[in-house]
Amino acid sequence: MSQEKYLVIGGSQGIGWEVVNILRPSVSWLGVVARSEGCLESLSDVHYMRLDEVHEALPSEFLPAELDGLAYCPGTVNLKRFDKLADSDFTSDFNVNVLGAVRVIRSCLPFLRKSKRRSSIVLMSSVAVETGMPFHGSVAASKGAVEGLARALAAEFAPQIRVNAVAPSLTDTRLSHRLISTEQKRRAAEKRHPLKRIGSAKDIANAIAFLLSDQSSWITGQVLHVDGGLSTIRLFER
């Protein structure tokens, strides 16, 4: 077991839960902050705090003296026509995706700076930033801000702290359930992706775990697209 210490925000379900399961066997301390306990109740080796990361401050006493990595996994899937989006939709998405991350990073920064290795922060973007998609106005706006934040902080925190983002496409989680709630919807979504399937939570979690680890020690200020090729590849009928 390594001596690394990681914090996962939003780790009680979906992508965050898979990140927790990947990290658990190999780290000395793993903290999870989430609004609900979810599957965490059965894990004796995880330090859990119930907290609304968007509206509540993370208490410093919860964290270890040094922190080697932070993954901010909360997100939103708020898909509406632009003329149906209210100001409150934009505000809510920005609060969850951007300001929640800002508040958590601010709380963790002194502990990340004390790491004896180059610590790492991983944020969550979306394929909708790189690829324009209808009904994604609010989500794409806030996730675009996440990418800008990741690059700015990567520059400001270098060389001690690396900062990157992961940009998934449609992923099979509870958050996106209504988008793939029927077999017809699922098949249509799979067909849109060059790899002909939608992502699993573990697909995205593997990328997050990689960016947290020393395996990515020469990567910072990047957005890693884990999207089945949707952002860069166009296939034609033969």
Protein backbone atom coordinates (compact mmCIF):
# COMPACT_ATOMS: atom_id res chain seq x y z
CA MET A 1 0.00 0.00 0.00
CA SER A 2 1.29 3.45 -0.90
CA GLN A 3 1.33 6.39 1.50
CA GLU A 4 -0.74 8.60 -0.80
CA LYS A 5 -3.78 10.46 0.52
CA TYR A 6 -6.69 11.40 -1.74
CA LEU A 7 -10.01 13.21 -1.43
CA VAL A 8 -12.96 12.49 -3.71
CA ILE A 9 -15.85 14.94 -3.82
CA GLY A 10 -19.13 13.38 -4.90
CA GLY A 11 -17.91 9.85 -4.30
CA SER A 12 -21.08 8.12 -3.14
CA GLN A 13 -22.39 7.14 -6.57
CA GLY A 14 -21.71 7.12 -10.30
CA ILE A 15 -18.26 8.15 -11.51
CA GLY A 16 -17.10 9.29 -8.07
CA TRP A 17 -18.02 5.92 -6.56
CA GLU A 18 -15.93 4.13 -9.19
CA VAL A 19 -12.99 6.44 -8.43
CA VAL A 20 -13.29 5.47 -4.77
CA ASN A 21 -13.22 1.76 -5.63
CA ILE A 22 -10.14 2.15 -7.83
CA LEU A 23 -8.20 4.11 -5.19
CA ARG A 24 -9.18 2.18 -2.04
CA PRO A 25 -6.81 -0.80 -2.32
CA SER A 26 -3.67 1.27 -2.86
CA VAL A 27 -3.78 4.42 -0.71
CA SER A 28 -3.17 5.09 2.97
CA TRP A 29 -6.00 7.60 3.41
CA LEU A 30 -9.11 8.12 1.30
CA GLY A 31 -11.65 10.78 2.13
CA VAL A 32 -15.04 11.07 0.49
CA VAL A 33 -17.37 14.05 0.69
CA ALA A 34 -20.90 13.70 -0.66
CA ARG A 35 -24.43 14.86 -0.02
CA SER A 36 -25.62 11.29 0.54
CA GLU A 37 -23.93 8.22 1.96
CA GLY A 38 -24.97 5.94 -0.88
CA CYS A 39 -22.82 2.81 -1.00
CA LEU A 40 -20.22 4.20 1.40
CA GLU A 41 -21.92 2.86 4.52
CA SER A 42 -20.32 -0.55 3.99
CA LEU A 43 -16.73 0.73 3.63
CA SER A 44 -14.74 0.80 6.86
CA ASP A 45 -11.54 2.01 5.15
CA VAL A 46 -13.00 5.26 3.80
CA HIS A 47 -13.31 8.53 5.73
CA TYR A 48 -16.75 9.87 4.85
CA MET A 49 -18.28 13.27 5.51
CA ARG A 50 -21.82 14.18 4.56
CA LEU A 51 -21.67 17.69 3.14
CA ASP A 52 -23.25 19.84 0.46
CA GLU A 53 -20.04 20.92 -1.22
CA VAL A 54 -21.79 23.70 -3.14
CA HIS A 55 -23.16 25.50 -0.09
CA GLU A 56 -21.11 24.28 2.88
CA ALA A 57 -17.44 24.80 3.64
CA LEU A 58 -15.21 21.76 3.99
CA PRO A 59 -13.81 21.77 7.55
CA SER A 60 -10.04 21.62 7.68
CA GLU A 61 -10.05 19.12 10.56
CA PHE A 62 -11.50 16.49 8.22
CA LEU A 63 -8.36 16.50 6.07
CA PRO A 64 -5.00 14.84 6.77
CA ALA A 65 -1.91 17.00 7.30
CA GLU A 66 -0.89 16.39 3.66
CA LEU A 67 -3.09 15.71 0.66
CA ASP A 68 -1.76 14.18 -2.55
CA GLY A 69 -4.80 14.45 -4.77
CA LEU A 70 -8.30 15.88 -5.14
CA ALA A 71 -11.00 14.73 -7.56
CA TYR A 72 -14.09 16.92 -7.90
CA CYS A 73 -16.78 14.69 -9.44
CA PRO A 74 -20.17 16.44 -9.00
CA GLY A 75 -21.90 17.48 -12.21
CA THR A 76 -25.20 18.38 -13.83
CA VAL A 77 -27.19 17.13 -16.82
CA ASN A 78 -29.58 20.01 -17.40
CA LEU A 79 -30.61 19.71 -21.04
CA LYS A 80 -33.21 22.18 -22.30
CA ARG A 81 -33.89 24.35 -25.31
CA PHE A 82 -32.20 27.71 -24.88
CA ASP A 83 -35.51 29.56 -24.77
CA LYS A 84 -36.61 27.28 -21.93
CA LEU A 85 -33.51 27.92 -19.82
CA ALA A 86 -34.07 30.36 -16.96
CA ASP A 87 -31.36 32.42 -15.29
CA SER A 88 -31.68 30.02 -12.36
CA ASP A 89 -30.62 27.10 -14.60
CA PHE A 90 -27.39 28.84 -15.53
CA THR A 91 -26.79 29.84 -11.91
CA SER A 92 -27.45 26.34 -10.58
CA ASP A 93 -25.16 24.65 -13.12
CA PHE A 94 -22.40 27.21 -12.50
CA ASN A 95 -22.68 26.75 -8.74
CA VAL A 96 -22.34 22.97 -8.92
CA ASN A 97 -19.74 22.70 -11.67
CA VAL A 98 -17.56 25.74 -11.03
CA LEU A 99 -18.10 27.46 -7.69
CA GLY A 100 -18.36 24.15 -5.83
CA ALA A 101 -14.97 23.18 -7.25
CA VAL A 102 -13.53 26.61 -6.40
CA ARG A 103 -14.64 26.35 -2.77
CA VAL A 104 -13.28 22.83 -2.35
CA ILE A 105 -9.94 23.68 -3.96
CA ARG A 106 -9.63 26.74 -1.73
CA SER A 107 -10.18 24.56 1.36
CA CYS A 108 -7.74 21.87 0.21
CA LEU A 109 -4.97 24.06 -1.18
CA PRO A 110 -2.86 24.35 2.01
CA PHE A 111 -2.91 20.56 2.37
CA LEU A 112 -2.12 19.91 -1.30
CA ARG A 113 0.85 22.26 -1.04
CA LYS A 114 2.26 20.21 1.84
CA SER A 115 2.39 17.01 -0.21
CA LYS A 116 5.90 15.55 -0.52
CA ARG A 117 5.10 14.65 -4.13
CA ARG A 118 3.56 16.80 -6.84
CA SER A 119 -0.08 16.67 -5.88
CA SER A 120 -2.91 16.59 -8.40
CA ILE A 121 -6.35 18.12 -8.90
CA VAL A 122 -8.83 16.63 -11.38
CA LEU A 123 -12.00 18.45 -12.43
CA MET A 124 -14.95 17.35 -14.57
CA SER A 125 -15.74 18.92 -17.94
CA SER A 126 -17.94 17.63 -20.79
CA VAL A 127 -17.66 16.70 -24.46
CA ALA A 128 -20.24 19.45 -25.04
CA VAL A 129 -17.53 22.11 -24.58
CA GLU A 130 -15.45 20.83 -27.50
CA THR A 131 -18.42 19.78 -29.66
CA GLY A 132 -21.44 22.06 -29.96
CA MET A 133 -24.62 20.19 -29.09
CA PRO A 134 -28.23 21.37 -28.97
CA PHE A 135 -29.88 21.76 -25.56
CA HIS A 136 -26.50 22.00 -23.80
CA GLY A 137 -26.33 25.78 -23.44
CA SER A 138 -26.21 25.94 -19.65
CA VAL A 139 -24.11 22.82 -19.12
CA ALA A 140 -21.59 23.73 -21.83
CA ALA A 141 -21.23 27.26 -20.46
CA SER A 142 -20.38 26.07 -16.96
CA LYS A 143 -18.16 23.22 -18.12
CA GLY A 144 -16.31 25.61 -20.41
CA ALA A 145 -15.58 27.65 -17.31
CA VAL A 146 -14.25 24.49 -15.64
CA GLU A 147 -11.75 24.00 -18.46
CA GLY A 148 -10.63 27.62 -18.20
CA LEU A 149 -10.27 27.25 -14.44
CA ALA A 150 -8.21 24.06 -14.83
CA ARG A 151 -5.75 25.70 -17.21
CA ALA A 152 -5.45 28.87 -15.14
CA LEU A 153 -4.82 26.97 -11.92
CA ALA A 154 -2.38 24.61 -13.64
CA ALA A 155 -0.30 27.65 -14.56
CA GLU A 156 -0.63 29.29 -11.16
CA PHE A 157 0.07 26.18 -9.07
CA ALA A 158 2.95 24.77 -11.15
CA PRO A 159 5.23 23.04 -10.44
CA GLN A 160 3.92 21.82 -7.07
CA ILE A 161 0.33 20.99 -8.03
CA ARG A 162 -0.87 19.56 -11.34
CA VAL A 163 -4.39 20.46 -12.51
CA ASN A 164 -6.28 18.66 -15.29
CA ALA A 165 -9.84 17.95 -16.36
CA VAL A 166 -11.67 14.95 -17.78
CA ALA A 167 -14.34 15.55 -20.44
CA PRO A 168 -16.71 12.59 -20.80
CA SER A 169 -19.49 12.04 -23.28
CA LEU A 170 -22.76 10.36 -22.28
CA THR A 171 -22.06 7.96 -19.42
CA ASP A 172 -24.30 5.27 -17.97
CA THR A 173 -24.99 6.72 -14.52
CA ARG A 174 -28.08 7.63 -12.55
CA LEU A 175 -27.55 11.28 -13.46
CA SER A 176 -28.05 10.55 -17.17
CA HIS A 177 -30.63 7.77 -16.76
CA ARG A 178 -33.48 9.59 -18.50
CA LEU A 179 -31.34 10.00 -21.63
CA ILE A 180 -30.96 6.23 -22.01
CA SER A 181 -34.13 5.08 -20.25
CA THR A 182 -35.38 3.00 -23.20
CA GLU A 183 -33.62 0.56 -25.50
CA GLN A 184 -34.32 2.87 -28.43
CA LYS A 185 -32.66 5.84 -26.70
CA ARG A 186 -29.68 3.73 -25.71
CA ARG A 187 -29.15 2.38 -29.23
CA ALA A 188 -29.39 5.87 -30.72
CA ALA A 189 -26.83 7.18 -28.21
CA GLU A 190 -24.46 4.30 -28.92
CA LYS A 191 -24.73 4.87 -32.66
CA ARG A 192 -23.63 8.52 -32.31
CA HIS A 193 -20.27 7.47 -30.85
CA PRO A 194 -17.50 6.16 -33.13
CA LEU A 195 -16.81 3.32 -30.67
CA LYS A 196 -20.51 2.40 -30.85
CA ARG A 197 -21.21 2.34 -27.15
CA ILE A 198 -21.79 4.83 -24.38
CA GLY A 199 -19.32 5.21 -21.57
CA SER A 200 -19.40 3.43 -18.25
CA ALA A 201 -18.67 5.14 -14.96
CA LYS A 202 -15.53 3.03 -14.71
CA ASP A 203 -14.27 4.30 -18.09
CA ILE A 204 -14.27 7.84 -16.72
CA ALA A 205 -13.03 6.84 -13.26
CA ASN A 206 -9.98 5.11 -14.77
CA ALA A 207 -9.01 8.38 -16.46
CA ILE A 208 -9.46 10.33 -13.23
CA ALA A 209 -7.37 7.85 -11.26
CA PHE A 210 -4.65 8.05 -13.92
CA LEU A 211 -4.51 11.85 -13.70
CA LEU A 212 -4.36 11.69 -9.90
CA SER A 213 -1.46 9.26 -9.95
CA ASP A 214 2.25 9.66 -10.64
CA GLN A 215 1.69 7.82 -13.91
CA SER A 216 0.60 11.22 -15.26
CA SER A 217 3.36 13.17 -13.49
CA TRP A 218 4.27 15.14 -16.66
CA ILE A 219 0.70 16.12 -17.52
CA THR A 220 -0.88 19.38 -16.38
CA GLY A 221 -3.26 21.97 -17.82
CA GLN A 222 -4.88 19.35 -20.07
CA VAL A 223 -8.41 18.24 -20.84
CA LEU A 224 -8.55 14.49 -21.37
CA HIS A 225 -11.47 13.53 -23.62
CA VAL A 226 -12.95 10.19 -22.62
CA ASP A 227 -15.84 10.24 -25.06
CA GLY A 228 -15.75 7.25 -27.38
CA GLY A 229 -14.20 9.43 -30.07
CA LEU A 230 -17.20 11.77 -30.31
CA SER A 231 -15.23 15.02 -30.04
CA THR A 232 -12.67 14.25 -32.75
CA ILE A 233 -13.82 11.49 -35.10
CA ARG A 234 -16.43 11.44 -37.87
CA LEU A 235 -17.25 8.12 -39.51
CA PHE A 236 -18.81 7.78 -42.96
CA GLU A 237 -20.92 4.97 -44.35
CA ARG A 238 -18.93 2.69 -46.65
